[in-house]
Amino acid sequence: MNKEFTVGKASVFLDAVLMPFRATGIQRGSRLIDLIPRRLLGGRVIWANTDAGPLVLRIGDLGARDLLMFGHQLHDMEETRIICALLPSARGMLDIGAQYGWYTKFATNLMDPRAPKIALEANPEVATCLGRSLSGSPGVRVLNVAATDRVRRVRFYCARASGLSSAVRAVGMPTAVEGVPVDDVWPADQPLDFVKCDVEGGELDVLRGARQIRKTHEPVWMLEFDERFLTEADVEPSEVADEVSNLACWWRSDKDGWVLAENLGAIVGEVRTCQNVFLVPRRRATQFAQWIKAVV
């Protein structure tokens, strides 16, 4: 942890600024926060109250803006409900591209305290915030690494909106981080039931570096499958689909809501506003369908 890293407390003024946004859910005008001097808000990095619990956020990071302004992420509210239904029975959880720890924080609230929870975040500044947010949480490890197909140094691009940062797309300022396969991260003797993966185009490398845990533990995955980002990374979407062709795929149709496909390959080329999919082993299919039905 950087000794110079200090975390402030949200000021009364910031609470007053946020109140109408949180009360109404209106997004218009949220960029107002960028015009206010940080010292009036509590600092550049502050503890913010969210629906998952207190999290350390960088005020100037557009990737943290929903959590700061509204207390939750606006773009994946249904996914959050599904995951919160799944977590209480999960014996292990891996958060790849954890960012500020939204899902890992829920895991600390809902899972057995003894169950392992590992959060990976490649952006060094965001990883520092993540580590502070989860410090002392039982069963949690935070690693400042990129999930890759093999051990190697990675040029990681830190975008202004940290949620868009990537190891495979030049979307911001580059920095060097360690790249580690997930198979080398997860303890071999610990069960793993759920993986969240949001790596902005680097999904194929992650999946290739996780072949052993996928075979051994057969976890449910929530995977961002954005074909535009894959194309920018010179990866064919069909390559990702082939890597997980044995898993059923739940995806959100703009017309019909969450629907089941035979596998990820069945939706390649499908126009979707929601890029997250759930990849489900056959033996978990019935249980997962119950979770979907219960919360959506």
Protein backbone atom coordinates (compact mmCIF):
# COMPACT_ATOMS: atom_id res chain seq x y z
CA MET A 1 0.00 0.00 0.00
CA ASN A 2 1.30 3.42 -0.95
CA LYS A 3 2.21 5.24 2.27
CA GLU A 4 1.10 8.52 0.68
CA PHE A 5 -2.31 7.08 -0.14
CA THR A 6 -4.87 8.85 2.04
CA VAL A 7 -8.61 8.34 2.06
CA GLY A 8 -10.95 11.12 3.05
CA LYS A 9 -14.49 11.09 4.32
CA ALA A 10 -17.34 12.33 2.16
CA SER A 11 -18.08 15.90 3.20
CA VAL A 12 -21.46 17.23 4.24
CA PHE A 13 -21.35 19.32 1.07
CA LEU A 14 -20.88 16.21 -1.09
CA ASP A 15 -23.77 14.49 0.67
CA ALA A 16 -25.94 17.50 -0.14
CA VAL A 17 -24.86 17.44 -3.80
CA LEU A 18 -25.62 13.73 -4.10
CA MET A 19 -28.96 13.79 -2.32
CA PRO A 20 -31.18 14.77 -5.28
CA PHE A 21 -29.44 12.30 -7.60
CA ARG A 22 -29.89 9.40 -5.18
CA ALA A 23 -33.47 10.40 -4.42
CA THR A 24 -34.58 10.64 -8.05
CA GLY A 25 -32.16 8.43 -9.98
CA ILE A 26 -31.80 11.20 -12.56
CA GLN A 27 -28.43 11.06 -14.33
CA ARG A 28 -28.52 14.44 -16.05
CA GLY A 29 -26.14 16.87 -14.43
CA SER A 30 -23.94 14.23 -12.80
CA ARG A 31 -20.86 15.76 -14.46
CA LEU A 32 -21.34 18.69 -12.07
CA ILE A 33 -19.11 16.80 -9.66
CA ASP A 34 -16.10 17.50 -11.89
CA LEU A 35 -16.53 21.26 -11.45
CA ILE A 36 -16.34 21.20 -7.64
CA PRO A 37 -12.93 21.46 -5.94
CA ARG A 38 -12.01 18.11 -4.42
CA ARG A 39 -11.25 19.65 -1.02
CA LEU A 40 -14.92 20.61 -0.73
CA LEU A 41 -15.97 17.01 -1.36
CA GLY A 42 -13.67 15.33 1.14
CA GLY A 43 -10.59 14.75 -1.01
CA ARG A 44 -9.58 13.08 -4.24
CA VAL A 45 -10.16 9.62 -2.78
CA ILE A 46 -12.98 9.07 -0.31
CA TRP A 47 -15.04 6.47 1.48
CA ALA A 48 -18.43 6.37 -0.24
CA ASN A 49 -21.59 4.64 0.91
CA THR A 50 -22.94 2.19 -1.67
CA ASP A 51 -25.66 -0.45 -1.69
CA ALA A 52 -22.93 -3.07 -1.24
CA GLY A 53 -21.38 -1.22 1.70
CA PRO A 54 -18.62 1.40 2.08
CA LEU A 55 -16.13 1.50 -0.80
CA VAL A 56 -13.05 3.63 -1.43
CA LEU A 57 -13.51 5.57 -4.68
CA ARG A 58 -11.50 8.07 -6.71
CA ILE A 59 -13.87 10.99 -7.21
CA GLY A 60 -12.41 11.94 -10.61
CA ASP A 61 -12.75 8.42 -12.06
CA LEU A 62 -15.70 8.25 -14.44
CA GLY A 63 -15.69 4.49 -13.89
CA ALA A 64 -16.66 5.09 -10.26
CA ARG A 65 -19.27 7.73 -11.02
CA ASP A 66 -22.39 5.54 -10.73
CA LEU A 67 -21.26 4.17 -7.37
CA LEU A 68 -20.49 7.66 -6.12
CA MET A 69 -23.64 9.35 -7.39
CA PHE A 70 -26.25 6.64 -6.96
CA GLY A 71 -24.73 4.00 -4.69
CA HIS A 72 -24.95 1.26 -7.30
CA GLN A 73 -23.99 0.49 -10.89
CA LEU A 74 -26.75 1.53 -13.24
CA HIS A 75 -25.80 -0.73 -16.14
CA ASP A 76 -25.98 -4.15 -14.47
CA MET A 77 -28.67 -4.00 -11.82
CA GLU A 78 -30.27 -7.27 -12.96
CA GLU A 79 -26.90 -9.01 -12.97
CA THR A 80 -26.34 -7.81 -9.41
CA ARG A 81 -29.64 -9.34 -8.27
CA ILE A 82 -28.80 -12.65 -9.94
CA ILE A 83 -25.34 -12.77 -8.38
CA CYS A 84 -26.69 -11.88 -4.93
CA ALA A 85 -29.07 -14.84 -5.23
CA LEU A 86 -26.16 -17.11 -6.17
CA LEU A 87 -23.56 -15.99 -3.63
CA PRO A 88 -25.03 -17.34 -0.36
CA SER A 89 -24.45 -20.92 -1.55
CA ALA A 90 -21.09 -20.23 -3.24
CA ARG A 91 -18.09 -21.92 -1.62
CA GLY A 92 -15.57 -19.75 -3.49
CA MET A 93 -15.70 -16.59 -5.61
CA LEU A 94 -13.20 -15.07 -8.04
CA ASP A 95 -13.61 -11.47 -9.25
CA ILE A 96 -11.48 -10.81 -12.34
CA GLY A 97 -11.33 -7.12 -13.19
CA ALA A 98 -12.77 -6.31 -9.77
CA GLN A 99 -12.40 -2.53 -10.18
CA TYR A 100 -13.62 -0.96 -6.91
CA GLY A 101 -14.99 -4.21 -5.50
CA TRP A 102 -18.75 -3.94 -6.07
CA TYR A 103 -19.23 -7.70 -6.45
CA THR A 104 -16.53 -8.76 -4.01
CA LYS A 105 -18.10 -6.55 -1.36
CA PHE A 106 -21.41 -8.33 -1.84
CA ALA A 107 -19.54 -11.62 -1.54
CA THR A 108 -18.18 -10.58 1.86
CA ASN A 109 -21.74 -9.80 2.96
CA LEU A 110 -23.45 -12.92 1.62
CA MET A 111 -20.94 -15.78 1.59
CA ASP A 112 -19.60 -17.88 4.43
CA PRO A 113 -16.81 -15.79 5.99
CA ARG A 114 -14.47 -18.78 5.66
CA ALA A 115 -15.09 -19.13 1.91
CA PRO A 116 -12.22 -17.85 -0.26
CA LYS A 117 -12.84 -14.67 -2.24
CA ILE A 118 -10.10 -13.41 -4.56
CA ALA A 119 -10.27 -10.07 -6.37
CA LEU A 120 -7.91 -9.27 -9.27
CA GLU A 121 -7.44 -5.69 -10.47
CA ALA A 122 -4.68 -4.66 -12.88
CA ASN A 123 -5.00 -0.86 -12.62
CA PRO A 124 -2.55 0.01 -9.80
CA GLU A 125 -4.43 3.06 -8.49
CA VAL A 126 -7.78 1.28 -8.52
CA ALA A 127 -6.21 -1.81 -6.92
CA THR A 128 -4.98 0.38 -4.06
CA CYS A 129 -8.54 1.59 -3.46
CA LEU A 130 -9.82 -1.98 -3.72
CA GLY A 131 -7.32 -3.20 -1.16
CA ARG A 132 -8.32 -0.47 1.29
CA SER A 133 -12.04 -1.21 0.81
CA LEU A 134 -11.62 -4.92 1.51
CA SER A 135 -8.89 -4.74 4.15
CA GLY A 136 -9.81 -6.97 7.05
CA SER A 137 -12.67 -8.70 5.20
CA PRO A 138 -12.63 -12.40 6.09
CA GLY A 139 -11.49 -14.80 3.39
CA VAL A 140 -10.55 -12.00 0.94
CA ARG A 141 -7.33 -11.59 -1.07
CA VAL A 142 -6.72 -8.63 -3.39
CA LEU A 143 -4.09 -8.96 -6.10
CA ASN A 144 -2.79 -6.17 -8.36
CA VAL A 145 -2.33 -8.39 -11.42
CA ALA A 146 -3.84 -8.94 -14.85
CA ALA A 147 -5.37 -12.34 -15.58
CA THR A 148 -3.54 -13.75 -18.61
CA ASP A 149 -2.96 -16.99 -20.51
CA ARG A 150 0.60 -17.39 -19.14
CA VAL A 151 2.97 -15.70 -16.71
CA ARG A 152 4.31 -12.53 -18.33
CA ARG A 153 4.65 -8.78 -17.97
CA VAL A 154 1.68 -6.97 -19.47
CA ARG A 155 1.31 -3.48 -20.85
CA PHE A 156 -1.94 -2.42 -19.23
CA TYR A 157 -3.81 0.66 -20.45
CA CYS A 158 -5.47 2.74 -17.71
CA ALA A 159 -8.48 4.56 -19.16
CA ARG A 160 -9.92 7.75 -17.68
CA ALA A 161 -13.04 5.74 -16.96
CA SER A 162 -11.34 2.84 -15.18
CA GLY A 163 -14.06 0.38 -16.15
CA LEU A 164 -12.79 0.58 -19.72
CA SER A 165 -9.13 -0.14 -18.88
CA SER A 166 -7.65 -3.06 -20.77
CA ALA A 167 -4.58 -5.22 -21.26
CA VAL A 168 -5.34 -5.70 -24.97
CA ARG A 169 -6.75 -2.36 -26.16
CA ALA A 170 -4.83 0.94 -26.14
CA VAL A 171 -7.49 2.96 -24.31
CA GLY A 172 -5.40 5.11 -21.98
CA MET A 173 -2.06 5.60 -20.26
CA PRO A 174 0.07 2.43 -20.33
CA THR A 175 1.71 0.89 -17.31
CA ALA A 176 3.48 -2.42 -16.73
CA VAL A 177 1.82 -5.02 -14.48
CA GLU A 178 2.31 -8.69 -13.77
CA GLY A 179 0.20 -11.09 -15.82
CA VAL A 180 -0.80 -14.35 -14.12
CA PRO A 181 -3.04 -17.23 -15.25
CA VAL A 182 -6.05 -17.76 -13.03
CA ASP A 183 -4.98 -21.40 -12.68
CA ASP A 184 -1.95 -20.09 -10.75
CA VAL A 185 -4.05 -17.82 -8.56
CA TRP A 186 -6.86 -20.02 -7.26
CA PRO A 187 -5.86 -22.45 -4.44
CA ALA A 188 -5.99 -26.00 -5.80
CA ASP A 189 -7.61 -27.36 -2.64
CA GLN A 190 -10.43 -24.78 -2.46
CA PRO A 191 -13.82 -25.09 -4.23
CA LEU A 192 -14.82 -22.40 -6.70
CA ASP A 193 -18.47 -21.85 -7.63
CA PHE A 194 -18.60 -18.39 -9.21
CA VAL A 195 -16.32 -16.25 -11.40
CA LYS A 196 -17.01 -12.70 -12.55
CA CYS A 197 -14.86 -11.61 -15.49
CA ASP A 198 -14.85 -8.08 -16.91
CA VAL A 199 -11.61 -7.43 -18.78
CA GLU A 200 -12.61 -5.29 -21.77
CA GLY A 201 -11.57 -7.52 -24.66
CA GLY A 202 -9.09 -9.80 -22.86
CA GLU A 203 -11.57 -12.60 -22.19
CA LEU A 204 -9.89 -15.21 -24.41
CA ASP A 205 -6.58 -14.93 -22.55
CA VAL A 206 -8.39 -15.21 -19.22
CA LEU A 207 -10.30 -18.33 -20.27
CA ARG A 208 -7.18 -20.00 -21.67
CA GLY A 209 -5.37 -19.31 -18.41
CA ALA A 210 -8.28 -20.81 -16.44
CA ARG A 211 -8.67 -24.16 -18.17
CA GLN A 212 -7.71 -26.16 -15.12
CA ILE A 213 -10.11 -24.48 -12.72
CA ARG A 214 -12.86 -24.63 -15.32
CA LYS A 215 -12.37 -28.37 -15.63
CA THR A 216 -11.88 -29.09 -11.93
CA HIS A 217 -14.51 -26.83 -10.34
CA GLU A 218 -17.00 -26.08 -13.14
CA PRO A 219 -17.95 -22.64 -11.78
CA VAL A 220 -20.67 -20.39 -13.13
CA TRP A 221 -19.14 -17.44 -15.00
CA MET A 222 -20.49 -13.97 -15.56
CA LEU A 223 -18.48 -12.87 -18.58
CA GLU A 224 -18.57 -9.61 -20.45
CA PHE A 225 -18.84 -10.62 -24.11
CA ASP A 226 -18.53 -7.41 -26.12
CA GLU A 227 -17.79 -8.27 -29.72
CA ARG A 228 -16.68 -4.72 -30.52
CA PHE A 229 -13.94 -4.88 -27.90
CA LEU A 230 -12.85 -8.33 -29.06
CA THR A 231 -12.58 -7.09 -32.64
CA GLU A 232 -10.47 -4.12 -31.48
CA ALA A 233 -8.20 -6.64 -29.75
CA ASP A 234 -7.90 -8.69 -32.98
CA VAL A 235 -9.81 -11.59 -31.44
CA GLU A 236 -12.60 -13.36 -33.28
CA PRO A 237 -15.70 -13.64 -31.05
CA SER A 238 -16.08 -17.21 -32.28
CA GLU A 239 -12.72 -18.06 -30.67
CA VAL A 240 -14.08 -17.09 -27.26
CA ALA A 241 -17.28 -19.02 -27.94
CA ASP A 242 -15.32 -22.12 -28.95
CA GLU A 243 -13.32 -21.98 -25.72
CA VAL A 244 -16.52 -22.38 -23.65
CA SER A 245 -18.66 -24.34 -26.10
CA ASN A 246 -19.51 -26.92 -23.42
CA LEU A 247 -21.32 -24.33 -21.25
CA ALA A 248 -24.92 -23.19 -21.55
CA CYS A 249 -25.35 -19.45 -22.02
CA TRP A 250 -27.90 -17.16 -20.43
CA TRP A 251 -28.06 -13.80 -22.20
CA ARG A 252 -30.37 -10.80 -22.00
CA SER A 253 -32.52 -10.21 -25.03
CA ASP A 254 -33.89 -6.70 -25.48
CA LYS A 255 -37.27 -8.26 -26.31
CA ASP A 256 -37.55 -11.33 -24.09
CA GLY A 257 -35.30 -10.65 -21.10
CA TRP A 258 -32.92 -13.36 -19.91
CA VAL A 259 -33.07 -16.36 -22.25
CA LEU A 260 -31.15 -19.61 -22.49
CA ALA A 261 -28.97 -20.51 -25.47
CA GLU A 262 -27.23 -23.82 -26.13
CA ASN A 263 -23.85 -22.10 -25.78
CA LEU A 264 -22.10 -18.79 -26.33
CA GLY A 265 -21.60 -19.55 -30.02
CA ALA A 266 -25.36 -19.40 -30.53
CA ILE A 267 -25.45 -15.66 -29.84
CA VAL A 268 -22.35 -14.53 -31.75
CA GLY A 269 -23.49 -11.63 -33.92
CA GLU A 270 -26.69 -11.13 -31.92
CA VAL A 271 -27.41 -7.43 -31.36
CA ARG A 272 -27.49 -6.83 -27.60
CA THR A 273 -27.49 -3.76 -25.37
CA CYS A 274 -26.39 -5.95 -22.44
CA GLN A 275 -22.94 -7.41 -23.01
CA ASN A 276 -22.84 -9.63 -19.91
CA VAL A 277 -23.63 -13.31 -20.24
CA PHE A 278 -23.79 -16.13 -17.71
CA LEU A 279 -21.97 -19.32 -18.70
CA VAL A 280 -23.38 -22.28 -16.80
CA PRO A 281 -22.17 -25.90 -16.56
CA ARG A 282 -24.90 -28.44 -17.31
CA ARG A 283 -24.88 -29.81 -13.76
CA ARG A 284 -25.69 -26.35 -12.40
CA ALA A 285 -28.30 -25.47 -15.01
CA THR A 286 -31.42 -26.25 -12.97
CA GLN A 287 -30.24 -24.34 -9.93
CA PHE A 288 -29.19 -21.34 -12.02
CA ALA A 289 -32.56 -21.26 -13.78
CA GLN A 290 -34.20 -21.05 -10.35
CA TRP A 291 -32.00 -18.10 -9.40
CA ILE A 292 -32.92 -16.32 -12.62
CA LYS A 293 -36.64 -16.94 -12.10
CA ALA A 294 -36.53 -15.78 -8.49
CA VAL A 295 -34.98 -12.37 -9.06
CA VAL A 296 -35.76 -11.20 -12.61
